[in-house]
Amino acid sequence: MRYLVGTPKLGLTYRSSERKLSDLWHLELYVDSNFAGDTEHRRSRYGYVIFLNENPIDFGTGLQKRTAASTPEAEYIALARGLKELLWI
C-alpha cells in the first residue's frame, strides 16, 4: 500500500487505436527463455507478453516442465506456451 500511495502517477496507459476497422484486433506476442537457468534441475525459464493494439493485456512466466536439450528447444517450448495463451485470447 505504501508503494501505491507513493506512486500515484505511475501505471499502464491504455490508448485507443487509430487503425482502420479491419485492424481493430491487432495482437502481438513476444516470448523469451533462458536455457537451463534453474541450476538445481537444469530446466529453462520462459516468459511471454501479449499486446492488443500496442497495449499489454497478458503476461506470464514460469519454469518449463521438461529439460530442454538446447537453446532453440527452450525457445520453441516458450513459443508453444505463449501461443497457447494467444489462441485462448
PDB file of N, CA and C in Angstrom:
ATOM      1  N   MET A   1       0.826  -1.186   0.000  1.00  0.00           N
ATOM      2  CA  MET A   1       0.000   0.000   0.000  1.00  0.00           C
ATOM      3  C   MET A   1       0.868   1.247   0.000  1.00  0.00           C
ATOM      4  N   ARG A   2       1.976   1.206   0.706  1.00  0.00           N
ATOM      5  CA  ARG A   2       2.864   2.361   0.764  1.00  0.00           C
ATOM      6  C   ARG A   2       3.380   2.700  -0.638  1.00  0.00           C
ATOM      7  N   TYR A   3       3.706   1.655  -1.432  1.00  0.00           N
ATOM      8  CA  TYR A   3       4.167   1.877  -2.801  1.00  0.00           C
ATOM      9  C   TYR A   3       3.079   2.550  -3.633  1.00  0.00           C
ATOM     10  N   LEU A   4       1.843   2.071  -3.535  1.00  0.00           N
ATOM     11  CA  LEU A   4       0.745   2.639  -4.321  1.00  0.00           C
ATOM     12  C   LEU A   4       0.473   4.094  -3.940  1.00  0.00           C
ATOM     13  N   VAL A   5       0.535   4.397  -2.665  1.00  0.00           N
ATOM     14  CA  VAL A   5       0.307   5.774  -2.217  1.00  0.00           C
ATOM     15  C   VAL A   5       1.441   6.679  -2.702  1.00  0.00           C
ATOM     16  N   GLY A   6       2.660   6.177  -2.718  1.00  0.00           N
ATOM     17  CA  GLY A   6       3.810   6.985  -3.109  1.00  0.00           C
ATOM     18  C   GLY A   6       4.024   7.138  -4.595  1.00  0.00           C
ATOM     19  N   THR A   7       3.301   6.350  -5.408  1.00  0.00           N
ATOM     20  CA  THR A   7       3.495   6.403  -6.865  1.00  0.00           C
ATOM     21  C   THR A   7       2.161   6.528  -7.599  1.00  0.00           C
ATOM     22  N   PRO A   8       1.361   7.553  -7.309  1.00  0.00           N
ATOM     23  CA  PRO A   8       0.032   7.628  -7.937  1.00  0.00           C
ATOM     24  C   PRO A   8       0.072   7.953  -9.429  1.00  0.00           C
ATOM     25  N   LYS A   9       1.194   8.486  -9.932  1.00  0.00           N
ATOM     26  CA  LYS A   9       1.253   8.869 -11.348  1.00  0.00           C
ATOM     27  C   LYS A   9       1.866   7.786 -12.225  1.00  0.00           C
ATOM     28  N   LEU A  10       2.303   6.687 -11.636  1.00  0.00           N
ATOM     29  CA  LEU A  10       2.870   5.587 -12.410  1.00  0.00           C
ATOM     30  C   LEU A  10       1.787   4.568 -12.736  1.00  0.00           C
ATOM     31  N   GLY A  11       1.918   3.931 -13.895  1.00  0.00           N
ATOM     32  CA  GLY A  11       0.959   2.895 -14.264  1.00  0.00           C
ATOM     33  C   GLY A  11       0.970   2.635 -15.756  1.00  0.00           C
ATOM     34  N   LEU A  12       0.118   1.751 -16.193  1.00  0.00           N
ATOM     35  CA  LEU A  12      -0.036   1.439 -17.610  1.00  0.00           C
ATOM     36  C   LEU A  12      -1.061   2.373 -18.228  1.00  0.00           C
ATOM     37  N   THR A  13      -0.749   2.867 -19.404  1.00  0.00           N
ATOM     38  CA  THR A  13      -1.665   3.749 -20.111  1.00  0.00           C
ATOM     39  C   THR A  13      -2.231   3.011 -21.313  1.00  0.00           C
ATOM     40  N   TYR A  14      -3.527   2.862 -21.363  1.00  0.00           N
ATOM     41  CA  TYR A  14      -4.198   2.231 -22.495  1.00  0.00           C
ATOM     42  C   TYR A  14      -4.790   3.326 -23.361  1.00  0.00           C
ATOM     43  N   ARG A  15      -4.414   3.299 -24.635  1.00  0.00           N
ATOM     44  CA  ARG A  15      -4.931   4.311 -25.539  1.00  0.00           C
ATOM     45  C   ARG A  15      -5.665   3.647 -26.680  1.00  0.00           C
ATOM     46  N   SER A  16      -6.576   4.372 -27.273  1.00  0.00           N
ATOM     47  CA  SER A  16      -7.338   3.814 -28.380  1.00  0.00           C
ATOM     48  C   SER A  16      -6.469   3.738 -29.624  1.00  0.00           C
ATOM     49  N   SER A  17      -6.796   2.817 -30.478  1.00  0.00           N
ATOM     50  CA  SER A  17      -6.047   2.633 -31.708  1.00  0.00           C
ATOM     51  C   SER A  17      -6.632   3.519 -32.801  1.00  0.00           C
ATOM     52  N   GLU A  18      -5.765   4.072 -33.623  1.00  0.00           N
ATOM     53  CA  GLU A  18      -6.232   4.867 -34.748  1.00  0.00           C
ATOM     54  C   GLU A  18      -6.156   4.056 -36.026  1.00  0.00           C
ATOM     55  N   ARG A  19      -6.239   2.784 -35.894  1.00  0.00           N
ATOM     56  CA  ARG A  19      -6.191   1.888 -37.046  1.00  0.00           C
ATOM     57  C   ARG A  19      -7.569   1.793 -37.689  1.00  0.00           C
ATOM     58  N   LYS A  20      -7.568   1.284 -38.913  1.00  0.00           N
ATOM     59  CA  LYS A  20      -8.853   1.078 -39.578  1.00  0.00           C
ATOM     60  C   LYS A  20      -9.588  -0.098 -38.938  1.00  0.00           C
ATOM     61  N   LEU A  21     -10.839  -0.231 -39.223  1.00  0.00           N
ATOM     62  CA  LEU A  21     -11.682  -1.225 -38.571  1.00  0.00           C
ATOM     63  C   LEU A  21     -11.155  -2.644 -38.754  1.00  0.00           C
ATOM     64  N   SER A  22     -10.562  -2.949 -39.900  1.00  0.00           N
ATOM     65  CA  SER A  22     -10.070  -4.309 -40.133  1.00  0.00           C
ATOM     66  C   SER A  22      -8.869  -4.645 -39.244  1.00  0.00           C
ATOM     67  N   ASP A  23      -8.184  -3.644 -38.718  1.00  0.00           N
ATOM     68  CA  ASP A  23      -7.050  -3.866 -37.832  1.00  0.00           C
ATOM     69  C   ASP A  23      -7.410  -3.652 -36.369  1.00  0.00           C
ATOM     70  N   LEU A  24      -8.690  -3.700 -36.044  1.00  0.00           N
ATOM     71  CA  LEU A  24      -9.141  -3.413 -34.693  1.00  0.00           C
ATOM     72  C   LEU A  24      -8.504  -4.337 -33.658  1.00  0.00           C
ATOM     73  N   TRP A  25      -8.334  -5.601 -34.002  1.00  0.00           N
ATOM     74  CA  TRP A  25      -7.766  -6.579 -33.085  1.00  0.00           C
ATOM     75  C   TRP A  25      -6.356  -6.941 -33.533  1.00  0.00           C
ATOM     76  N   HIS A  26      -5.409  -6.070 -33.302  1.00  0.00           N
ATOM     77  CA  HIS A  26      -4.017  -6.302 -33.660  1.00  0.00           C
ATOM     78  C   HIS A  26      -3.305  -6.905 -32.456  1.00  0.00           C
ATOM     79  N   LEU A  27      -3.084  -8.217 -32.506  1.00  0.00           N
ATOM     80  CA  LEU A  27      -2.431  -8.928 -31.401  1.00  0.00           C
ATOM     81  C   LEU A  27      -0.959  -9.164 -31.717  1.00  0.00           C
ATOM     82  N   GLU A  28      -0.101  -9.004 -30.719  1.00  0.00           N
ATOM     83  CA  GLU A  28       1.323  -9.297 -30.850  1.00  0.00           C
ATOM     84  C   GLU A  28       1.747 -10.151 -29.664  1.00  0.00           C
ATOM     85  N   LEU A  29       2.642 -11.099 -29.936  1.00  0.00           N
ATOM     86  CA  LEU A  29       3.160 -11.994 -28.901  1.00  0.00           C
ATOM     87  C   LEU A  29       4.675 -11.923 -28.902  1.00  0.00           C
ATOM     88  N   TYR A  30       5.250 -11.740 -27.727  1.00  0.00           N
ATOM     89  CA  TYR A  30       6.702 -11.764 -27.551  1.00  0.00           C
ATOM     90  C   TYR A  30       7.025 -12.834 -26.521  1.00  0.00           C
ATOM     91  N   VAL A  31       7.996 -13.693 -26.848  1.00  0.00           N
ATOM     92  CA  VAL A  31       8.393 -14.762 -25.927  1.00  0.00           C
ATOM     93  C   VAL A  31       9.911 -14.766 -25.778  1.00  0.00           C
ATOM     94  N   ASP A  32      10.364 -15.320 -24.672  1.00  0.00           N
ATOM     95  CA  ASP A  32      11.793 -15.486 -24.444  1.00  0.00           C
ATOM     96  C   ASP A  32      11.991 -16.607 -23.441  1.00  0.00           C
ATOM     97  N   SER A  33      13.173 -17.180 -23.442  1.00  0.00           N
ATOM     98  CA  SER A  33      13.509 -18.203 -22.458  1.00  0.00           C
ATOM     99  C   SER A  33      15.001 -18.151 -22.190  1.00  0.00           C
ATOM    100  N   ASN A  34      15.396 -18.730 -21.081  1.00  0.00           N
ATOM    101  CA  ASN A  34      16.825 -18.890 -20.808  1.00  0.00           C
ATOM    102  C   ASN A  34      17.094 -20.376 -20.675  1.00  0.00           C
ATOM    103  N   PHE A  35      18.089 -20.841 -21.367  1.00  0.00           N
ATOM    104  CA  PHE A  35      18.407 -22.261 -21.407  1.00  0.00           C
ATOM    105  C   PHE A  35      19.052 -22.695 -20.098  1.00  0.00           C
ATOM    106  N   ALA A  36      18.428 -23.654 -19.428  1.00  0.00           N
ATOM    107  CA  ALA A  36      18.941 -24.275 -18.201  1.00  0.00           C
ATOM    108  C   ALA A  36      19.238 -23.242 -17.116  1.00  0.00           C
ATOM    109  N   GLY A  37      18.335 -22.278 -16.953  1.00  0.00           N
ATOM    110  CA  GLY A  37      18.524 -21.230 -15.952  1.00  0.00           C
ATOM    111  C   GLY A  37      18.364 -21.712 -14.519  1.00  0.00           C
ATOM    112  N   ASP A  38      17.599 -22.776 -14.314  1.00  0.00           N
ATOM    113  CA  ASP A  38      17.427 -23.347 -12.983  1.00  0.00           C
ATOM    114  C   ASP A  38      18.620 -24.255 -12.706  1.00  0.00           C
ATOM    115  N   THR A  39      19.515 -23.824 -11.842  1.00  0.00           N
ATOM    116  CA  THR A  39      20.756 -24.569 -11.627  1.00  0.00           C
ATOM    117  C   THR A  39      20.545 -25.913 -10.923  1.00  0.00           C
ATOM    118  N   GLU A  40      19.457 -26.040 -10.176  1.00  0.00           N
ATOM    119  CA  GLU A  40      19.235 -27.284  -9.443  1.00  0.00           C
ATOM    120  C   GLU A  40      18.748 -28.415 -10.362  1.00  0.00           C
ATOM    121  N   HIS A  41      17.768 -28.125 -11.218  1.00  0.00           N
ATOM    122  CA  HIS A  41      17.192 -29.156 -12.084  1.00  0.00           C
ATOM    123  C   HIS A  41      17.560 -28.977 -13.553  1.00  0.00           C
ATOM    124  N   ARG A  42      18.313 -27.906 -13.882  1.00  0.00           N
ATOM    125  CA  ARG A  42      18.746 -27.602 -15.254  1.00  0.00           C
ATOM    126  C   ARG A  42      17.573 -27.373 -16.198  1.00  0.00           C
ATOM    127  N   ARG A  43      16.465 -26.870 -15.665  1.00  0.00           N
ATOM    128  CA  ARG A  43      15.318 -26.549 -16.511  1.00  0.00           C
ATOM    129  C   ARG A  43      15.379 -25.089 -16.917  1.00  0.00           C
ATOM    130  N   SER A  44      14.693 -24.772 -17.990  1.00  0.00           N
ATOM    131  CA  SER A  44      14.703 -23.418 -18.533  1.00  0.00           C
ATOM    132  C   SER A  44      13.493 -22.641 -18.037  1.00  0.00           C
ATOM    133  N   ARG A  45      13.643 -21.331 -17.965  1.00  0.00           N
ATOM    134  CA  ARG A  45      12.550 -20.438 -17.593  1.00  0.00           C
ATOM    135  C   ARG A  45      12.038 -19.769 -18.852  1.00  0.00           C
ATOM    136  N   TYR A  46      10.710 -19.586 -18.945  1.00  0.00           N
ATOM    137  CA  TYR A  46      10.103 -18.932 -20.105  1.00  0.00           C
ATOM    138  C   TYR A  46       9.348 -17.692 -19.652  1.00  0.00           C
ATOM    139  N   GLY A  47       9.067 -16.836 -20.618  1.00  0.00           N
ATOM    140  CA  GLY A  47       8.259 -15.655 -20.359  1.00  0.00           C
ATOM    141  C   GLY A  47       7.593 -15.205 -21.647  1.00  0.00           C
ATOM    142  N   TYR A  48       6.415 -14.623 -21.537  1.00  0.00           N
ATOM    143  CA  TYR A  48       5.720 -14.107 -22.712  1.00  0.00           C
ATOM    144  C   TYR A  48       4.904 -12.880 -22.325  1.00  0.00           C
ATOM    145  N   VAL A  49       4.663 -12.024 -23.331  1.00  0.00           N
ATOM    146  CA  VAL A  49       3.811 -10.850 -23.173  1.00  0.00           C
ATOM    147  C   VAL A  49       2.942 -10.771 -24.419  1.00  0.00           C
ATOM    148  N   ILE A  50       1.637 -10.523 -24.216  1.00  0.00           N
ATOM    149  CA  ILE A  50       0.701 -10.370 -25.328  1.00  0.00           C
ATOM    150  C   ILE A  50       0.186  -8.939 -25.320  1.00  0.00           C
ATOM    151  N   PHE A  51       0.255  -8.305 -26.485  1.00  0.00           N
ATOM    152  CA  PHE A  51      -0.208  -6.924 -26.649  1.00  0.00           C
ATOM    153  C   PHE A  51      -1.441  -6.906 -27.547  1.00  0.00           C
ATOM    154  N   LEU A  52      -2.407  -6.071 -27.217  1.00  0.00           N
ATOM    155  CA  LEU A  52      -3.566  -5.810 -28.059  1.00  0.00           C
ATOM    156  C   LEU A  52      -3.523  -4.331 -28.408  1.00  0.00           C
ATOM    157  N   ASN A  53      -3.360  -4.027 -29.701  1.00  0.00           N
ATOM    158  CA  ASN A  53      -3.234  -2.645 -30.170  1.00  0.00           C
ATOM    159  C   ASN A  53      -2.164  -1.889 -29.379  1.00  0.00           C
ATOM    160  N   GLU A  54      -1.012  -2.506 -29.216  1.00  0.00           N
ATOM    161  CA  GLU A  54       0.157  -1.933 -28.544  1.00  0.00           C
ATOM    162  C   GLU A  54      -0.016  -1.771 -27.033  1.00  0.00           C
ATOM    163  N   ASN A  55      -1.045  -2.360 -26.459  1.00  0.00           N
ATOM    164  CA  ASN A  55      -1.290  -2.305 -25.023  1.00  0.00           C
ATOM    165  C   ASN A  55      -1.122  -3.704 -24.431  1.00  0.00           C
ATOM    166  N   PRO A  56      -0.316  -3.866 -23.377  1.00  0.00           N
ATOM    167  CA  PRO A  56      -0.145  -5.193 -22.788  1.00  0.00           C
ATOM    168  C   PRO A  56      -1.439  -5.657 -22.124  1.00  0.00           C
ATOM    169  N   ILE A  57      -1.854  -6.881 -22.457  1.00  0.00           N
ATOM    170  CA  ILE A  57      -3.086  -7.412 -21.876  1.00  0.00           C
ATOM    171  C   ILE A  57      -2.862  -8.715 -21.110  1.00  0.00           C
ATOM    172  N   ASP A  58      -1.729  -9.390 -21.346  1.00  0.00           N
ATOM    173  CA  ASP A  58      -1.477 -10.655 -20.664  1.00  0.00           C
ATOM    174  C   ASP A  58       0.023 -10.906 -20.639  1.00  0.00           C
ATOM    175  N   PHE A  59       0.495 -11.548 -19.588  1.00  0.00           N
ATOM    176  CA  PHE A  59       1.893 -11.926 -19.498  1.00  0.00           C
ATOM    177  C   PHE A  59       1.987 -13.155 -18.619  1.00  0.00           C
ATOM    178  N   GLY A  60       3.086 -13.827 -18.738  1.00  0.00           N
ATOM    179  CA  GLY A  60       3.299 -14.990 -17.896  1.00  0.00           C
ATOM    180  C   GLY A  60       4.759 -15.394 -17.892  1.00  0.00           C
ATOM    181  N   THR A  61       5.147 -16.082 -16.861  1.00  0.00           N
ATOM    182  CA  THR A  61       6.498 -16.606 -16.748  1.00  0.00           C
ATOM    183  C   THR A  61       6.438 -17.880 -15.919  1.00  0.00           C
ATOM    184  N   GLY A  62       7.401 -18.720 -16.090  1.00  0.00           N
ATOM    185  CA  GLY A  62       7.421 -19.953 -15.320  1.00  0.00           C
ATOM    186  C   GLY A  62       8.604 -20.821 -15.680  1.00  0.00           C
ATOM    187  N   LEU A  63       8.693 -21.924 -15.000  1.00  0.00           N
ATOM    188  CA  LEU A  63       9.744 -22.902 -15.231  1.00  0.00           C
ATOM    189  C   LEU A  63       9.190 -23.971 -16.171  1.00  0.00           C
ATOM    190  N   GLN A  64       9.941 -24.278 -17.219  1.00  0.00           N
ATOM    191  CA  GLN A  64       9.477 -25.303 -18.158  1.00  0.00           C
ATOM    192  C   GLN A  64       9.439 -26.657 -17.472  1.00  0.00           C
ATOM    193  N   LYS A  65       8.451 -27.463 -17.818  1.00  0.00           N
ATOM    194  CA  LYS A  65       8.265 -28.747 -17.151  1.00  0.00           C
ATOM    195  C   LYS A  65       9.266 -29.804 -17.600  1.00  0.00           C
ATOM    196  N   ARG A  66       9.802 -29.617 -18.799  1.00  0.00           N
ATOM    197  CA  ARG A  66      10.778 -30.572 -19.314  1.00  0.00           C
ATOM    198  C   ARG A  66      12.152 -29.918 -19.403  1.00  0.00           C
ATOM    199  N   THR A  67      13.177 -30.721 -19.345  1.00  0.00           N
ATOM    200  CA  THR A  67      14.524 -30.218 -19.512  1.00  0.00           C
ATOM    201  C   THR A  67      14.826 -30.134 -20.997  1.00  0.00           C
ATOM    202  N   ALA A  68      15.111 -28.932 -21.478  1.00  0.00           N
ATOM    203  CA  ALA A  68      15.425 -28.738 -22.893  1.00  0.00           C
ATOM    204  C   ALA A  68      16.875 -29.151 -23.153  1.00  0.00           C
ATOM    205  N   ALA A  69      17.124 -29.693 -24.350  1.00  0.00           N
ATOM    206  CA  ALA A  69      18.465 -30.148 -24.700  1.00  0.00           C
ATOM    207  C   ALA A  69      19.317 -29.048 -25.309  1.00  0.00           C
ATOM    208  N   SER A  70      18.679 -27.928 -25.719  1.00  0.00           N
ATOM    209  CA  SER A  70      19.422 -26.851 -26.354  1.00  0.00           C
ATOM    210  C   SER A  70      18.660 -25.539 -26.211  1.00  0.00           C
ATOM    211  N   THR A  71      19.323 -24.438 -26.539  1.00  0.00           N
ATOM    212  CA  THR A  71      18.672 -23.128 -26.504  1.00  0.00           C
ATOM    213  C   THR A  71      17.505 -23.051 -27.479  1.00  0.00           C
ATOM    214  N   PRO A  72      17.653 -23.522 -28.743  1.00  0.00           N
ATOM    215  CA  PRO A  72      16.496 -23.471 -29.654  1.00  0.00           C
ATOM    216  C   PRO A  72      15.295 -24.275 -29.146  1.00  0.00           C
ATOM    217  N   GLU A  73      15.552 -25.404 -28.510  1.00  0.00           N
ATOM    218  CA  GLU A  73      14.450 -26.198 -27.969  1.00  0.00           C
ATOM    219  C   GLU A  73      13.753 -25.451 -26.834  1.00  0.00           C
ATOM    220  N   ALA A  74      14.514 -24.782 -25.980  1.00  0.00           N
ATOM    221  CA  ALA A  74      13.934 -23.996 -24.892  1.00  0.00           C
ATOM    222  C   ALA A  74      13.093 -22.854 -25.456  1.00  0.00           C
ATOM    223  N   GLU A  75      13.569 -22.203 -26.518  1.00  0.00           N
ATOM    224  CA  GLU A  75      12.815 -21.128 -27.161  1.00  0.00           C
ATOM    225  C   GLU A  75      11.528 -21.669 -27.796  1.00  0.00           C
ATOM    226  N   TYR A  76      11.607 -22.839 -28.406  1.00  0.00           N
ATOM    227  CA  TYR A  76      10.432 -23.459 -29.029  1.00  0.00           C
ATOM    228  C   TYR A  76       9.373 -23.794 -27.982  1.00  0.00           C
ATOM    229  N   ILE A  77       9.785 -24.305 -26.835  1.00  0.00           N
ATOM    230  CA  ILE A  77       8.847 -24.617 -25.757  1.00  0.00           C
ATOM    231  C   ILE A  77       8.190 -23.334 -25.253  1.00  0.00           C
ATOM    232  N   ALA A  78       8.981 -22.266 -25.115  1.00  0.00           N
ATOM    233  CA  ALA A  78       8.438 -20.969 -24.676  1.00  0.00           C
ATOM    234  C   ALA A  78       7.432 -20.444 -25.693  1.00  0.00           C
ATOM    235  N   LEU A  79       7.746 -20.579 -26.984  1.00  0.00           N
ATOM    236  CA  LEU A  79       6.831 -20.130 -28.034  1.00  0.00           C
ATOM    237  C   LEU A  79       5.519 -20.902 -27.974  1.00  0.00           C
ATOM    238  N   ALA A  80       5.596 -22.208 -27.758  1.00  0.00           N
ATOM    239  CA  ALA A  80       4.381 -23.017 -27.661  1.00  0.00           C
ATOM    240  C   ALA A  80       3.513 -22.564 -26.489  1.00  0.00           C
ATOM    241  N   ARG A  81       4.126 -22.238 -25.369  1.00  0.00           N
ATOM    242  CA  ARG A  81       3.368 -21.774 -24.191  1.00  0.00           C
ATOM    243  C   ARG A  81       2.706 -20.426 -24.473  1.00  0.00           C
ATOM    244  N   GLY A  82       3.435 -19.515 -25.104  1.00  0.00           N
ATOM    245  CA  GLY A  82       2.866 -18.217 -25.454  1.00  0.00           C
ATOM    246  C   GLY A  82       1.741 -18.339 -26.473  1.00  0.00           C
ATOM    247  N   LEU A  83       1.909 -19.221 -27.451  1.00  0.00           N
ATOM    248  CA  LEU A  83       0.864 -19.415 -28.461  1.00  0.00           C
ATOM    249  C   LEU A  83      -0.405 -20.009 -27.869  1.00  0.00           C
ATOM    250  N   LYS A  84      -0.274 -20.870 -26.866  1.00  0.00           N
ATOM    251  CA  LYS A  84      -1.466 -21.404 -26.188  1.00  0.00           C
ATOM    252  C   LYS A  84      -2.287 -20.282 -25.604  1.00  0.00           C
ATOM    253  N   GLU A  85      -1.623 -19.332 -24.939  1.00  0.00           N
ATOM    254  CA  GLU A  85      -2.322 -18.197 -24.355  1.00  0.00           C
ATOM    255  C   GLU A  85      -2.921 -17.306 -25.441  1.00  0.00           C
ATOM    256  N   LEU A  86      -2.168 -17.074 -26.501  1.00  0.00           N
ATOM    257  CA  LEU A  86      -2.650 -16.232 -27.592  1.00  0.00           C
ATOM    258  C   LEU A  86      -3.890 -16.837 -28.243  1.00  0.00           C
ATOM    259  N   LEU A  87      -3.886 -18.124 -28.464  1.00  0.00           N
ATOM    260  CA  LEU A  87      -5.060 -18.787 -29.053  1.00  0.00           C
ATOM    261  C   LEU A  87      -6.255 -18.741 -28.112  1.00  0.00           C
ATOM    262  N   TRP A  88      -6.012 -18.822 -26.795  1.00  0.00           N
ATOM    263  CA  TRP A  88      -7.100 -18.735 -25.849  1.00  0.00           C
ATOM    264  C   TRP A  88      -7.745 -17.353 -25.909  1.00  0.00           C
ATOM    265  N   ILE A  89      -6.915 -16.315 -26.032  1.00  0.00           N
ATOM    266  CA  ILE A  89      -7.434 -14.943 -26.120  1.00  0.00           C
ATOM    267  C   ILE A  89      -8.222 -14.780 -27.404  1.00  0.00           C
TER     268      ILE A  89
END
